[in-house]
């Protein structure tokens, strides 16, 4: 009898507006840490197959998770810094369960070099789907938010993806991971093809912010291989809630645990799938 009551209680959804408010506050705490350290870093390290990390990344994640754990003690927590050296999470949470997925500093290399394209990304996954998103871009004064089914916003203004429908007119974004030679070669082949077919391709260096700009209609499409759940969790919901489409390189349903992503308006997303179809390795989702 008690087990049935516990199971029923576990499946009650959070108050999404309250959860969003707390996620915004958590991101703000992370932002304050990043602004405190920018231009004043003393400890910069190389993470194995994960680029650079600084004391700002670590402290930002700590303050975000401390705040969220106090408010959501029964949830799971997945963050970029705390995940280093741990077994990779490969699937969404089960029904009735919640997981906070946090990148405390997306765009670390930009941040270290004081390029203002970096952000705090917080996604909340419940019952296997991202339901809530906050991306705080400190230097640009932008806060992107979304609750599933309620639209996507930046500083309270509604977002909508672009309506570009031809590859030759498409303004695209991507990123590169040089740590795995075979995957880099695949990406270079795709880049070489798409840079010729599209209007232009940009590489800003912060996947979460790239997805925000897709949701905003700045970029018509975005693709990348081997981004992590904390890079994509918030951004994919923003794109979807702005009317966009998110799939894998093979055009399959995307989750933050897949190894390839394409995001954009539906027309450009489909064109990207078609364009890269013959260039993919067997290991690509």
Protein backbone atom coordinates (compact mmCIF):
# COMPACT_ATOMS: atom_id res chain seq x y z
CA UNK A 1 0.00 0.00 0.00
CA UNK A 2 2.72 2.45 0.97
CA UNK A 3 4.77 1.60 -2.11
CA UNK A 4 1.84 2.52 -4.35
CA UNK A 5 1.45 5.84 -2.55
CA UNK A 6 5.18 6.53 -2.90
CA UNK A 7 5.05 5.68 -6.61
CA UNK A 8 2.08 8.01 -7.13
CA UNK A 9 3.80 10.82 -5.20
CA UNK A 10 6.99 10.40 -7.24
CA UNK A 11 5.11 11.10 -10.48
CA UNK A 12 3.75 14.49 -9.44
CA UNK A 13 5.31 17.16 -11.64
CA UNK A 14 7.04 20.13 -10.04
CA UNK A 15 5.51 23.58 -10.05
CA UNK A 16 7.22 24.65 -13.29
CA UNK A 17 6.99 28.39 -12.70
CA UNK A 18 8.55 28.01 -9.27
CA UNK A 19 11.24 25.68 -10.64
CA UNK A 20 12.05 28.18 -13.41
CA UNK A 21 12.33 31.00 -10.88
CA UNK A 22 14.77 28.97 -8.80
CA UNK A 23 16.77 27.97 -11.88
CA UNK A 24 17.11 31.64 -12.83
CA UNK A 25 18.35 32.42 -9.33
CA UNK A 26 20.82 29.51 -9.50
CA UNK A 27 22.14 30.71 -12.86
CA UNK A 28 22.51 34.20 -11.42
CA UNK A 29 24.70 32.81 -8.64
CA UNK A 30 26.88 31.17 -11.28
CA UNK A 31 27.02 34.41 -13.24
CA UNK A 32 28.25 36.31 -10.17
CA UNK A 33 31.11 33.83 -9.78
CA UNK A 34 32.09 34.15 -13.44
CA UNK A 35 32.07 37.92 -13.32
CA UNK A 36 34.18 37.86 -10.16
CA UNK A 37 36.93 35.81 -11.78
CA UNK A 38 37.01 37.09 -15.36
CA UNK A 39 40.40 38.61 -16.06
CA UNK A 40 41.63 37.48 -12.63
CA UNK A 41 42.12 33.72 -13.08
CA UNK A 42 45.04 32.07 -11.33
CA UNK A 43 44.44 28.36 -11.91
CA UNK A 44 43.88 27.08 -15.45
CA UNK A 45 44.10 23.35 -16.08
CA UNK A 46 43.66 20.98 -19.01
CA UNK A 47 40.95 18.34 -18.63
CA UNK A 48 41.57 15.07 -20.45
CA UNK A 49 39.58 15.18 -23.72
CA UNK A 50 37.55 18.09 -22.36
CA UNK A 51 39.56 21.27 -22.90
CA UNK A 52 40.33 23.89 -20.29
CA UNK A 53 38.95 24.32 -16.79
CA UNK A 54 39.49 27.10 -14.26
CA UNK A 55 38.60 27.84 -10.66
CA UNK A 56 35.65 29.81 -12.03
CA UNK A 57 34.08 26.67 -13.59
CA UNK A 58 34.37 24.76 -10.33
CA UNK A 59 33.10 27.48 -8.02
CA UNK A 60 30.23 28.31 -10.37
CA UNK A 61 29.08 24.68 -10.38
CA UNK A 62 29.40 24.45 -6.61
CA UNK A 63 27.20 27.47 -5.89
CA UNK A 64 24.61 26.40 -8.47
CA UNK A 65 24.35 22.85 -7.16
CA UNK A 66 24.35 23.93 -3.51
CA UNK A 67 21.36 26.18 -4.21
CA UNK A 68 19.47 23.61 -6.29
CA UNK A 69 20.11 20.75 -3.86
CA UNK A 70 18.60 22.79 -1.01
CA UNK A 71 15.47 23.39 -3.06
CA UNK A 72 15.25 20.03 -4.87
CA UNK A 73 16.83 17.45 -2.53
CA UNK A 74 15.24 14.43 -4.22
CA UNK A 75 16.54 15.18 -7.72
CA UNK A 76 19.63 13.90 -9.51
CA UNK A 77 22.41 16.30 -10.49
CA UNK A 78 24.72 16.15 -13.50
CA UNK A 79 27.33 18.86 -14.02
CA UNK A 80 30.33 19.26 -16.27
CA UNK A 81 32.91 19.56 -13.50
CA UNK A 82 31.47 16.93 -11.16
CA UNK A 83 31.17 14.48 -14.07
CA UNK A 84 34.92 14.46 -14.80
CA UNK A 85 36.25 10.95 -14.18
CA UNK A 86 32.80 9.47 -13.57
CA UNK A 87 30.96 6.91 -15.68
CA UNK A 88 29.16 8.67 -18.51
CA UNK A 89 25.41 9.04 -18.09
CA UNK A 90 23.91 7.55 -21.23
CA UNK A 91 20.15 7.73 -20.78
CA UNK A 92 17.41 10.06 -19.56
CA UNK A 93 15.93 9.75 -16.07
CA UNK A 94 13.08 7.31 -15.41
CA UNK A 95 9.41 8.27 -15.16
CA UNK A 96 8.68 10.43 -12.16
CA UNK A 97 12.33 11.34 -11.63
CA UNK A 98 14.10 14.66 -12.09
CA UNK A 99 17.66 15.57 -13.06
CA UNK A 100 19.34 18.98 -13.13
CA UNK A 101 21.90 19.17 -15.95
CA UNK A 102 24.31 22.07 -15.57
CA UNK A 103 27.18 23.60 -17.46
CA UNK A 104 28.54 26.19 -15.03
CA UNK A 105 30.64 27.80 -17.75
CA UNK A 106 30.03 26.93 -21.37
CA UNK A 107 32.72 28.53 -23.49
CA UNK A 108 35.60 28.21 -21.02
CA UNK A 109 38.29 28.99 -23.60
CA UNK A 110 36.42 32.14 -24.64
CA UNK A 111 36.10 33.10 -20.96
CA UNK A 112 39.80 32.59 -20.26
CA UNK A 113 40.68 34.82 -23.21
CA UNK A 114 37.96 37.34 -22.22
CA UNK A 115 35.89 36.82 -25.36
CA UNK A 116 32.37 37.66 -24.13
CA UNK A 117 30.67 34.59 -25.65
CA UNK A 118 30.23 32.31 -22.64
CA UNK A 119 27.27 31.35 -20.49
CA UNK A 120 25.75 29.37 -17.64
CA UNK A 121 23.42 26.62 -18.89
CA UNK A 122 20.82 24.86 -16.71
CA UNK A 123 18.40 22.25 -18.00
CA UNK A 124 15.89 20.26 -15.97
CA UNK A 125 14.92 16.80 -17.15
CA UNK A 126 11.79 15.16 -15.76
CA UNK A 127 10.43 11.75 -16.75
CA UNK A 128 12.90 11.46 -19.60
CA UNK A 129 12.43 14.86 -21.26
CA UNK A 130 13.95 18.30 -20.78
CA UNK A 131 11.15 20.38 -19.32
CA UNK A 132 12.84 23.61 -18.29
CA UNK A 133 15.78 25.68 -19.50
CA UNK A 134 17.80 28.70 -18.40
CA UNK A 135 20.86 30.07 -20.20
CA UNK A 136 22.46 33.15 -18.66
CA UNK A 137 24.94 35.06 -20.86
CA UNK A 138 26.69 37.40 -18.38
CA UNK A 139 28.64 39.75 -20.64
CA UNK A 140 25.74 40.27 -23.05
CA UNK A 141 23.05 40.76 -20.40
CA UNK A 142 20.86 38.01 -21.86
CA UNK A 143 18.85 35.40 -19.98
CA UNK A 144 17.13 32.75 -22.11
CA UNK A 145 14.28 30.77 -20.53
CA UNK A 146 11.79 28.09 -21.49
CA UNK A 147 9.22 25.76 -19.96
CA UNK A 148 8.01 22.94 -22.21
CA UNK A 149 4.76 23.93 -23.87
CA UNK A 150 5.04 27.59 -22.88
CA UNK A 151 7.43 29.05 -25.47
CA UNK A 152 10.99 30.35 -25.36
CA UNK A 153 12.12 33.82 -24.29
CA UNK A 154 15.13 36.09 -23.92
CA UNK A 155 14.77 38.73 -21.22
CA UNK A 156 11.02 38.14 -21.40
CA UNK A 157 10.79 38.62 -25.19
CA UNK A 158 9.36 35.72 -27.19
CA UNK A 159 11.72 33.80 -29.49
CA UNK A 160 11.05 32.29 -32.91
CA UNK A 161 13.37 30.38 -35.22
CA UNK A 162 14.11 31.73 -38.69
CA UNK A 163 12.09 30.92 -41.81
CA UNK A 164 15.05 30.37 -44.17
CA UNK A 165 14.29 27.42 -46.45
CA UNK A 166 17.25 27.20 -48.84
CA UNK A 167 20.74 26.02 -47.98
CA UNK A 168 22.36 28.75 -50.06
CA UNK A 169 20.72 31.33 -47.78
CA UNK A 170 21.45 29.52 -44.52
CA UNK A 171 23.59 31.13 -41.82
CA UNK A 172 25.03 28.18 -39.87
CA UNK A 173 26.98 27.45 -36.70
CA UNK A 174 29.12 24.53 -35.59
CA UNK A 175 31.96 23.48 -33.29
CA UNK A 176 35.00 21.20 -33.44
CA UNK A 177 36.41 18.62 -31.04
CA UNK A 178 40.08 17.96 -31.88
CA UNK A 179 40.58 15.25 -29.24
CA UNK A 180 39.40 12.35 -31.43
CA UNK A 181 41.04 12.30 -34.85
CA UNK A 182 38.42 10.14 -36.62
CA UNK A 183 35.56 12.37 -35.44
CA UNK A 184 37.48 15.49 -36.33
CA UNK A 185 38.01 14.18 -39.86
CA UNK A 186 34.28 13.50 -40.19
CA UNK A 187 33.51 17.02 -39.01
CA UNK A 188 36.03 18.57 -41.39
CA UNK A 189 34.44 16.77 -44.34
CA UNK A 190 31.01 18.02 -43.32
CA UNK A 191 32.30 21.53 -42.74
CA UNK A 192 34.06 21.59 -46.11
CA UNK A 193 30.80 20.66 -47.84
CA UNK A 194 28.49 22.96 -45.90
CA UNK A 195 30.73 26.02 -46.02
CA UNK A 196 30.42 25.81 -49.80
CA UNK A 197 26.68 25.16 -49.84
CA UNK A 198 25.55 27.75 -47.25
CA UNK A 199 25.78 31.51 -46.93
CA UNK A 200 28.29 31.27 -44.06
CA UNK A 201 29.37 29.14 -41.09
CA UNK A 202 30.39 30.49 -37.69
CA UNK A 203 32.24 28.80 -34.83
CA UNK A 204 31.52 30.82 -31.68
CA UNK A 205 32.88 28.33 -29.14
CA UNK A 206 29.88 27.88 -26.82
CA UNK A 207 27.36 25.22 -27.88
CA UNK A 208 24.66 26.33 -25.45
CA UNK A 209 24.81 29.87 -26.82
CA UNK A 210 24.80 28.60 -30.41
CA UNK A 211 21.49 26.89 -29.61
CA UNK A 212 20.15 30.10 -28.07
CA UNK A 213 20.93 31.91 -31.32
CA UNK A 214 19.15 29.21 -33.31
CA UNK A 215 16.10 29.74 -31.09
CA UNK A 216 16.42 33.48 -31.63
CA UNK A 217 16.48 33.11 -35.41
CA UNK A 218 20.04 34.42 -35.76
CA UNK A 219 21.43 31.07 -36.93
CA UNK A 220 19.28 29.07 -39.31
CA UNK A 221 20.96 25.82 -38.31
CA UNK A 222 23.61 24.33 -36.06
CA UNK A 223 25.42 20.99 -36.04
CA UNK A 224 28.10 19.41 -33.87
CA UNK A 225 29.48 16.02 -32.82
CA UNK A 226 30.29 14.92 -29.25
CA UNK A 227 28.75 17.75 -27.28
CA UNK A 228 27.79 16.67 -23.77
CA UNK A 229 24.38 16.63 -22.02
CA UNK A 230 25.23 19.81 -20.09
CA UNK A 231 26.03 21.61 -23.37
CA UNK A 232 22.71 20.73 -24.99
CA UNK A 233 20.05 20.12 -22.36
CA UNK A 234 18.81 23.70 -22.00
CA UNK A 235 19.47 24.75 -25.59
CA UNK A 236 17.46 22.00 -27.26
CA UNK A 237 14.34 22.97 -25.32
CA UNK A 238 14.82 26.62 -26.28
CA UNK A 239 15.03 25.64 -29.95
CA UNK A 240 11.98 23.39 -29.78
CA UNK A 241 9.92 25.95 -27.87
CA UNK A 242 10.88 28.59 -30.47
CA UNK A 243 9.36 26.37 -33.18
CA UNK A 244 12.55 24.61 -34.26
CA UNK A 245 13.59 21.02 -34.76
CA UNK A 246 16.39 19.03 -33.10
CA UNK A 247 17.63 15.66 -34.42
CA UNK A 248 20.80 13.59 -34.71
CA UNK A 249 23.00 13.67 -37.82
CA UNK A 250 20.93 10.75 -39.14
CA UNK A 251 17.67 12.60 -38.61
CA UNK A 252 16.63 10.52 -35.59
CA UNK A 253 15.08 11.81 -32.38
CA UNK A 254 17.68 13.67 -30.33
CA UNK A 255 18.30 13.46 -26.59
CA UNK A 256 21.24 15.05 -24.74
CA UNK A 257 22.80 11.58 -24.55
CA UNK A 258 23.26 11.14 -28.32
CA UNK A 259 26.65 11.81 -29.93
CA UNK A 260 25.51 14.13 -32.73
CA UNK A 261 23.11 17.04 -32.98
CA UNK A 262 21.47 19.15 -35.66
CA UNK A 263 19.20 22.02 -34.62
CA UNK A 264 17.45 24.67 -36.66
CA UNK A 265 14.20 25.56 -38.29
CA UNK A 266 12.57 22.45 -39.72
CA UNK A 267 13.51 23.18 -43.35
CA UNK A 268 17.22 23.81 -42.71
CA UNK A 269 17.45 20.90 -40.27
CA UNK A 270 16.14 18.55 -42.95
CA UNK A 271 18.53 20.03 -45.52
CA UNK A 272 21.47 19.50 -43.16
CA UNK A 273 20.52 15.86 -42.63
CA UNK A 274 20.39 15.35 -46.38
CA UNK A 275 23.65 17.17 -47.05
CA UNK A 276 25.77 15.21 -44.56
CA UNK A 277 24.14 11.80 -45.09
CA UNK A 278 26.97 10.27 -47.13
CA UNK A 279 29.78 11.62 -44.92
CA UNK A 280 28.97 9.91 -41.62
CA UNK A 281 31.00 7.27 -39.83
CA UNK A 282 29.39 4.08 -38.48
CA UNK A 283 29.66 5.31 -34.91
CA UNK A 284 27.66 8.49 -35.53
CA UNK A 285 24.12 8.53 -34.13
